[in-house]
Amino acid sequence: MRAILCREYGAIDKLAVADVAEPPLGAGQVLIDVHAAGINFGEMLMVLGQYQEKPPLPFTPGFEVAGIVRAVGNGVTTAKPGDRVMAALPWGGYAEAAVAAASAVFPMAPTMDFVTAAGFSIAYGTAYGAFAWRAQLKPGETVLVLGAAGGVGLAAVEVAAAMGAIVIAAAGGAEKCALTKAHGATHTVDYRREDLRERVRALTDGRGADVVFDPVGGDAFAQALRAVAWSGRMLVIGFAAGSVPQIPANHVLVKNIDIMGFQWGSYRTRRPELLTSAFARLIGWYADGRLRPVVSHQMKLAAAPEAYRLLRERKATGKIVLETRI
């Protein structure tokens, strides 16, 4: 089969399509003929050798795919050949076929195409899990989403709105802010011309946001920390800005703030039973029109290096997806 191969860490520009053996199918696993694969920031870190997991070289990147089930391993009862599915993987998605644990394979909505599904599982799974499992978000609370026009940020805007929250979306530029409004944000903050702390305080009558969703890190985290309400919660999702913030413990103490890390991928192995009900709810919201995923770039498999460049330079809104069969 054709797949993208990473032969050395740190060499994004050297990623290339190669002919490789198909992955073996084991018990409890599902073999998927991949039609599309989503691009994620964590995959880029993995290729750079900066992710928490380092697959043995050479390896194929790719955390999420959509396609058709070809075969299932022993003990699998939740999927069957011919099913249209989306799936999350530890790596291996940028390929014409991939193997996933049955607990991380989810049915697509009947109206969902493969490109949309390929960018759905991680962004929406992360947003839902962070709000529902960690922050225990309640209807009527105010949520501040950083990086709100990106893939996981825009999903967080929609999920928080679907859960009944008042959403303040922070993004860079008028066009990106308008996009977040079209997807459920009540208010916006333009990083480029507004002070985040002052804008959030003005929108909340000085109280601040109950929950902050931060996939950005860096200076944005420091600004958001000053905009969180007393006894608020900050969700640390990632560090797209490229730097890991240092947390001032005195500020956390004085305002009784909870700072919570959230990595959705760890739930695939530690709490897989939570995923089924979460995706049933997410697919229901998609069917109801409350979730409207945005894919700004559809690219060929061989364009993986260019896709990473777009991601790194923040030139994408919503998701970037690789199509594996064109």
Protein backbone atom coordinates (compact mmCIF):
# COMPACT_ATOMS: atom_id res chain seq x y z
CA MET A 1 0.00 0.00 0.00
CA ARG A 2 0.98 3.67 -0.28
CA ALA A 3 1.80 5.51 2.92
CA ILE A 4 3.72 8.54 4.13
CA LEU A 5 6.98 7.50 5.79
CA CYS A 6 8.99 9.40 8.38
CA ARG A 7 12.54 8.03 8.18
CA GLU A 8 14.20 10.47 10.58
CA TYR A 9 12.96 12.71 13.37
CA GLY A 10 13.01 16.43 12.72
CA ALA A 11 12.78 16.10 8.93
CA ILE A 12 9.29 17.26 7.96
CA ASP A 13 10.41 18.19 4.44
CA LYS A 14 11.66 14.64 3.89
CA LEU A 15 8.29 13.02 4.49
CA ALA A 16 7.40 11.12 1.32
CA VAL A 17 5.03 8.53 -0.09
CA ALA A 18 6.44 4.99 -0.14
CA ASP A 19 5.20 1.47 -0.82
CA VAL A 20 4.96 -0.40 2.49
CA ALA A 21 3.41 -3.61 3.80
CA GLU A 22 -0.14 -3.40 5.10
CA PRO A 23 -0.44 -3.47 8.91
CA PRO A 24 -1.33 -6.86 10.41
CA LEU A 25 -4.79 -7.27 11.92
CA GLY A 26 -4.87 -8.54 15.50
CA ALA A 27 -7.52 -9.54 18.00
CA GLY A 28 -9.73 -6.65 19.08
CA GLN A 29 -8.70 -4.58 16.07
CA VAL A 30 -10.33 -3.24 12.92
CA LEU A 31 -8.70 -2.99 9.47
CA ILE A 32 -9.87 0.11 7.61
CA ASP A 33 -9.47 1.04 3.95
CA VAL A 34 -8.61 4.70 4.53
CA HIS A 35 -10.22 7.36 2.34
CA ALA A 36 -9.02 10.43 4.26
CA ALA A 37 -6.79 11.31 7.22
CA GLY A 38 -6.86 14.39 9.44
CA ILE A 39 -3.84 16.59 10.14
CA ASN A 40 -3.09 17.38 13.79
CA PHE A 41 -0.48 19.44 15.62
CA GLY A 42 0.58 16.46 17.75
CA GLU A 43 1.50 14.48 14.63
CA MET A 44 3.85 17.25 13.57
CA LEU A 45 5.48 17.14 17.01
CA MET A 46 5.85 13.37 16.64
CA VAL A 47 7.64 13.79 13.30
CA LEU A 48 9.88 16.42 14.91
CA GLY A 49 10.69 14.00 17.74
CA GLN A 50 9.11 16.32 20.31
CA TYR A 51 5.98 14.30 21.14
CA GLN A 52 5.56 12.24 24.32
CA GLU A 53 5.61 9.08 22.20
CA LYS A 54 8.40 8.20 19.76
CA PRO A 55 7.51 5.38 17.36
CA PRO A 56 10.42 3.30 16.06
CA LEU A 57 11.72 4.59 12.73
CA PRO A 58 10.56 4.45 10.03
CA PHE A 59 6.92 5.07 10.86
CA THR A 60 3.77 6.50 9.29
CA PRO A 61 2.24 9.52 11.08
CA GLY A 62 -1.49 10.09 11.40
CA PHE A 63 -3.79 10.08 14.44
CA GLU A 64 -7.21 9.94 12.77
CA VAL A 65 -8.78 8.45 9.66
CA ALA A 66 -12.09 7.82 7.96
CA GLY A 67 -12.87 4.96 5.62
CA ILE A 68 -14.57 1.59 5.17
CA VAL A 69 -14.03 -1.45 7.37
CA ARG A 70 -12.42 -4.27 5.40
CA ALA A 71 -12.01 -6.83 8.18
CA VAL A 72 -12.25 -7.22 11.95
CA GLY A 73 -10.14 -9.23 14.37
CA ASN A 74 -11.25 -11.85 16.85
CA GLY A 75 -13.62 -10.58 19.51
CA VAL A 76 -14.79 -7.49 17.64
CA THR A 77 -18.57 -7.06 17.73
CA THR A 78 -18.91 -3.28 17.34
CA ALA A 79 -17.91 -3.06 13.66
CA LYS A 80 -18.23 -5.24 10.57
CA PRO A 81 -16.90 -5.23 7.00
CA GLY A 82 -18.51 -2.51 4.90
CA ASP A 83 -19.16 -0.10 7.78
CA ARG A 84 -18.30 3.56 7.15
CA VAL A 85 -16.25 4.62 10.16
CA MET A 86 -13.90 7.16 11.67
CA ALA A 87 -11.08 6.02 13.93
CA ALA A 88 -8.33 7.33 16.23
CA LEU A 89 -4.85 5.80 16.13
CA PRO A 90 -1.54 6.14 18.00
CA TRP A 91 0.03 6.69 14.55
CA GLY A 92 -0.23 5.16 11.06
CA GLY A 93 -3.13 7.11 9.54
CA TYR A 94 -1.43 8.64 6.49
CA ALA A 95 -1.87 5.47 4.47
CA GLU A 96 -4.27 3.59 2.23
CA ALA A 97 -5.04 1.14 5.05
CA ALA A 98 -4.78 1.36 8.83
CA VAL A 99 -5.50 -0.76 11.89
CA ALA A 100 -7.25 0.68 14.95
CA ALA A 101 -8.42 -0.69 18.28
CA ALA A 102 -12.14 -1.48 18.06
CA SER A 103 -12.79 0.80 21.07
CA ALA A 104 -11.48 3.78 19.04
CA VAL A 105 -13.58 3.11 15.92
CA PHE A 106 -16.85 5.03 15.62
CA PRO A 107 -19.67 4.94 13.05
CA MET A 108 -19.99 7.94 10.75
CA ALA A 109 -23.26 9.83 10.52
CA PRO A 110 -25.16 8.77 7.37
CA THR A 111 -24.82 12.26 5.90
CA MET A 112 -21.11 12.63 6.75
CA ASP A 113 -18.50 12.36 3.97
CA PHE A 114 -15.04 10.88 4.49
CA VAL A 115 -13.21 14.22 4.44
CA THR A 116 -15.41 15.64 7.18
CA ALA A 117 -15.19 12.45 9.24
CA ALA A 118 -11.39 12.33 8.95
CA GLY A 119 -11.13 15.61 10.83
CA PHE A 120 -13.86 14.92 13.37
CA SER A 121 -12.75 12.42 15.99
CA ILE A 122 -9.81 14.14 17.66
CA ALA A 123 -11.00 17.75 17.52
CA TYR A 124 -14.54 17.05 18.70
CA GLY A 125 -13.50 14.20 21.00
CA THR A 126 -11.00 16.52 22.68
CA ALA A 127 -13.47 19.36 23.05
CA TYR A 128 -16.22 17.15 24.45
CA GLY A 129 -13.96 15.23 26.84
CA ALA A 130 -12.31 18.38 28.18
CA PHE A 131 -15.62 20.09 28.91
CA ALA A 132 -17.67 17.09 30.04
CA TRP A 133 -15.13 14.91 31.85
CA ARG A 134 -12.59 17.39 33.21
CA ALA A 135 -14.20 20.82 33.57
CA GLN A 136 -17.73 19.46 34.14
CA LEU A 137 -19.10 22.41 32.22
CA LYS A 138 -22.60 23.55 33.20
CA PRO A 139 -25.22 25.33 31.08
CA GLY A 140 -25.00 29.09 31.47
CA GLU A 141 -21.30 29.17 32.35
CA THR A 142 -18.93 31.36 30.34
CA VAL A 143 -16.21 29.64 28.31
CA LEU A 144 -13.18 31.38 26.79
CA VAL A 145 -11.72 29.45 23.83
CA LEU A 146 -8.20 30.38 22.68
CA GLY A 147 -7.11 29.66 19.12
CA ALA A 148 -10.82 29.49 18.37
CA ALA A 149 -10.58 29.38 14.56
CA GLY A 150 -8.25 26.37 14.49
CA GLY A 151 -9.34 22.74 14.22
CA VAL A 152 -9.75 21.92 17.90
CA GLY A 153 -10.62 25.52 18.81
CA LEU A 154 -13.57 25.73 16.44
CA ALA A 155 -14.77 22.34 17.64
CA ALA A 156 -14.57 23.65 21.22
CA VAL A 157 -16.69 26.67 20.29
CA GLU A 158 -19.40 24.42 18.84
CA VAL A 159 -19.32 21.84 21.63
CA ALA A 160 -19.43 24.44 24.41
CA ALA A 161 -22.38 26.14 22.69
CA ALA A 162 -24.15 22.79 22.30
CA MET A 163 -23.66 22.23 26.04
CA GLY A 164 -25.41 25.52 26.80
CA ALA A 165 -22.39 27.70 27.57
CA ILE A 166 -21.84 31.37 26.73
CA VAL A 167 -18.79 31.24 24.44
CA ILE A 168 -16.13 33.92 24.08
CA ALA A 169 -13.94 33.02 21.09
CA ALA A 170 -10.43 34.47 20.82
CA ALA A 171 -8.84 34.44 17.36
CA GLY A 172 -6.46 36.47 15.21
CA GLY A 173 -8.19 38.83 12.81
CA ALA A 174 -11.70 39.88 11.88
CA GLU A 175 -12.22 37.06 9.39
CA LYS A 176 -11.41 34.35 11.93
CA CYS A 177 -13.54 36.02 14.59
CA ALA A 178 -16.47 36.12 12.17
CA LEU A 179 -16.02 32.41 11.50
CA THR A 180 -16.30 31.61 15.22
CA LYS A 181 -19.47 33.71 15.49
CA ALA A 182 -20.98 31.72 12.64
CA HIS A 183 -20.24 28.53 14.59
CA GLY A 184 -21.79 29.45 17.92
CA ALA A 185 -19.61 32.02 19.68
CA THR A 186 -21.60 34.61 21.60
CA HIS A 187 -18.70 37.09 21.71
CA THR A 188 -15.26 37.36 20.12
CA VAL A 189 -11.84 38.75 21.01
CA ASP A 190 -9.46 39.73 18.22
CA TYR A 191 -5.92 38.98 19.45
CA ARG A 192 -4.52 41.46 16.94
CA ARG A 193 -6.27 44.57 18.21
CA GLU A 194 -7.83 43.86 21.60
CA ASP A 195 -6.46 43.17 25.06
CA LEU A 196 -7.67 39.68 26.00
CA ARG A 197 -8.00 40.27 29.73
CA GLU A 198 -9.77 43.62 29.42
CA ARG A 199 -12.15 42.38 26.72
CA VAL A 200 -13.14 39.25 28.69
CA ARG A 201 -13.64 41.26 31.87
CA ALA A 202 -15.81 43.76 30.00
CA LEU A 203 -17.95 40.98 28.53
CA THR A 204 -18.44 39.33 31.94
CA ASP A 205 -19.07 42.44 34.06
CA GLY A 206 -15.61 42.09 35.59
CA ARG A 207 -16.06 38.49 36.73
CA GLY A 208 -14.00 36.63 34.12
CA ALA A 209 -14.53 33.30 32.33
CA ASP A 210 -15.63 30.23 34.26
CA VAL A 211 -13.69 27.89 31.96
CA VAL A 212 -10.72 28.56 29.65
CA PHE A 213 -9.96 26.11 26.81
CA ASP A 214 -6.33 26.59 25.78
CA PRO A 215 -4.74 24.69 22.88
CA VAL A 216 -2.26 27.56 22.32
CA GLY A 217 -0.04 27.96 25.37
CA GLY A 218 2.72 30.56 25.42
CA ASP A 219 1.77 34.16 26.17
CA ALA A 220 -1.91 33.44 25.45
CA PHE A 221 -2.03 31.21 28.54
CA ALA A 222 -0.62 33.97 30.73
CA GLN A 223 -3.19 36.46 29.43
CA ALA A 224 -6.05 33.99 29.84
CA LEU A 225 -5.00 33.19 33.40
CA ARG A 226 -5.63 36.85 34.22
CA ALA A 227 -9.06 36.61 32.62
CA VAL A 228 -10.37 33.57 34.50
CA ALA A 229 -13.04 33.97 37.16
CA TRP A 230 -12.58 33.29 40.85
CA SER A 231 -12.78 29.49 41.31
CA GLY A 232 -12.58 29.07 37.53
CA ARG A 233 -11.04 26.20 35.57
CA MET A 234 -8.30 26.30 32.95
CA LEU A 235 -8.01 23.42 30.50
CA VAL A 236 -4.50 22.89 29.15
CA ILE A 237 -4.98 21.25 25.74
CA GLY A 238 -1.74 21.93 23.87
CA PHE A 239 1.00 24.35 22.94
CA ALA A 240 0.43 25.46 19.35
CA ALA A 241 2.32 28.68 20.08
CA GLY A 242 5.46 26.59 20.47
CA SER A 243 6.27 27.35 24.10
CA VAL A 244 5.10 25.75 27.34
CA PRO A 245 3.91 28.39 29.84
CA GLN A 246 5.19 28.57 33.39
CA ILE A 247 2.32 28.73 35.86
CA PRO A 248 2.44 31.39 38.62
CA ALA A 249 1.26 29.36 41.60
CA ASN A 250 0.49 32.46 43.67
CA HIS A 251 -2.13 33.59 41.14
CA VAL A 252 -3.66 30.10 41.13
CA LEU A 253 -3.85 30.18 44.93
CA VAL A 254 -5.34 33.67 45.30
CA LYS A 255 -8.12 33.06 42.74
CA ASN A 256 -8.79 29.41 43.72
CA ILE A 257 -8.20 28.31 40.11
CA ASP A 258 -8.15 24.71 38.94
CA ILE A 259 -5.64 24.06 36.15
CA MET A 260 -6.41 20.78 34.37
CA GLY A 261 -4.40 18.98 31.74
CA PHE A 262 -6.35 17.08 29.11
CA GLN A 263 -4.99 14.63 26.55
CA TRP A 264 -7.83 12.86 24.80
CA GLY A 265 -5.66 10.10 23.38
CA SER A 266 -4.91 8.67 26.82
CA TYR A 267 -8.61 7.87 27.29
CA ARG A 268 -8.43 5.36 24.41
CA THR A 269 -6.46 3.02 26.65
CA ARG A 270 -7.36 4.18 30.18
CA ARG A 271 -11.10 4.91 29.90
CA PRO A 272 -12.29 3.53 26.53
CA GLU A 273 -15.82 3.01 27.87
CA LEU A 274 -16.32 6.79 27.92
CA LEU A 275 -15.70 7.14 24.19
CA THR A 276 -18.75 5.28 22.91
CA SER A 277 -21.30 7.43 24.71
CA ALA A 278 -19.36 10.61 23.91
CA PHE A 279 -19.35 9.91 20.17
CA ALA A 280 -23.00 8.88 20.18
CA ARG A 281 -23.78 12.33 21.58
CA LEU A 282 -21.43 14.12 19.18
CA ILE A 283 -22.83 12.33 16.13
CA GLY A 284 -26.33 13.20 17.36
CA TRP A 285 -25.35 16.88 17.55
CA TYR A 286 -23.87 16.63 14.05
CA ALA A 287 -27.09 15.12 12.72
CA ASP A 288 -29.06 17.93 14.39
CA GLY A 289 -26.88 20.54 12.67
CA ARG A 290 -25.32 21.83 15.88
CA LEU A 291 -21.84 20.71 14.83
CA ARG A 292 -20.67 21.92 11.42
CA PRO A 293 -17.03 20.93 10.91
CA VAL A 294 -14.88 23.16 8.72
CA VAL A 295 -12.17 21.73 6.47
CA SER A 296 -10.20 24.59 4.93
CA HIS A 297 -7.74 22.45 2.96
CA GLN A 298 -8.17 19.08 1.20
CA MET A 299 -4.80 17.83 -0.02
CA LYS A 300 -3.26 14.77 -1.64
CA LEU A 301 -1.38 12.26 0.50
CA ALA A 302 1.99 13.38 -0.83
CA ALA A 303 1.28 16.95 0.35
CA ALA A 304 1.78 16.09 4.04
CA PRO A 305 4.85 18.39 4.39
CA GLU A 306 2.89 21.31 2.91
CA ALA A 307 -0.03 20.53 5.23
CA TYR A 308 2.28 20.79 8.24
CA ARG A 309 3.60 24.12 6.97
CA LEU A 310 0.06 25.50 6.73
CA LEU A 311 -0.64 24.26 10.26
CA ARG A 312 2.57 25.72 11.68
CA GLU A 313 1.99 29.11 10.02
CA ARG A 314 -1.66 29.20 11.18
CA LYS A 315 -2.95 29.55 7.64
CA ALA A 316 -5.71 26.99 8.12
CA THR A 317 -9.12 27.48 9.68
CA GLY A 318 -10.82 24.38 10.99
CA LYS A 319 -9.08 21.22 9.78
CA ILE A 320 -6.62 20.15 7.09
CA VAL A 321 -7.34 16.71 5.61
CA LEU A 322 -5.29 14.41 3.36
CA GLU A 323 -7.19 12.35 0.81
CA THR A 324 -5.49 8.99 0.40
CA ARG A 325 -7.23 7.74 -2.75
CA ILE A 326 -6.71 10.53 -5.30
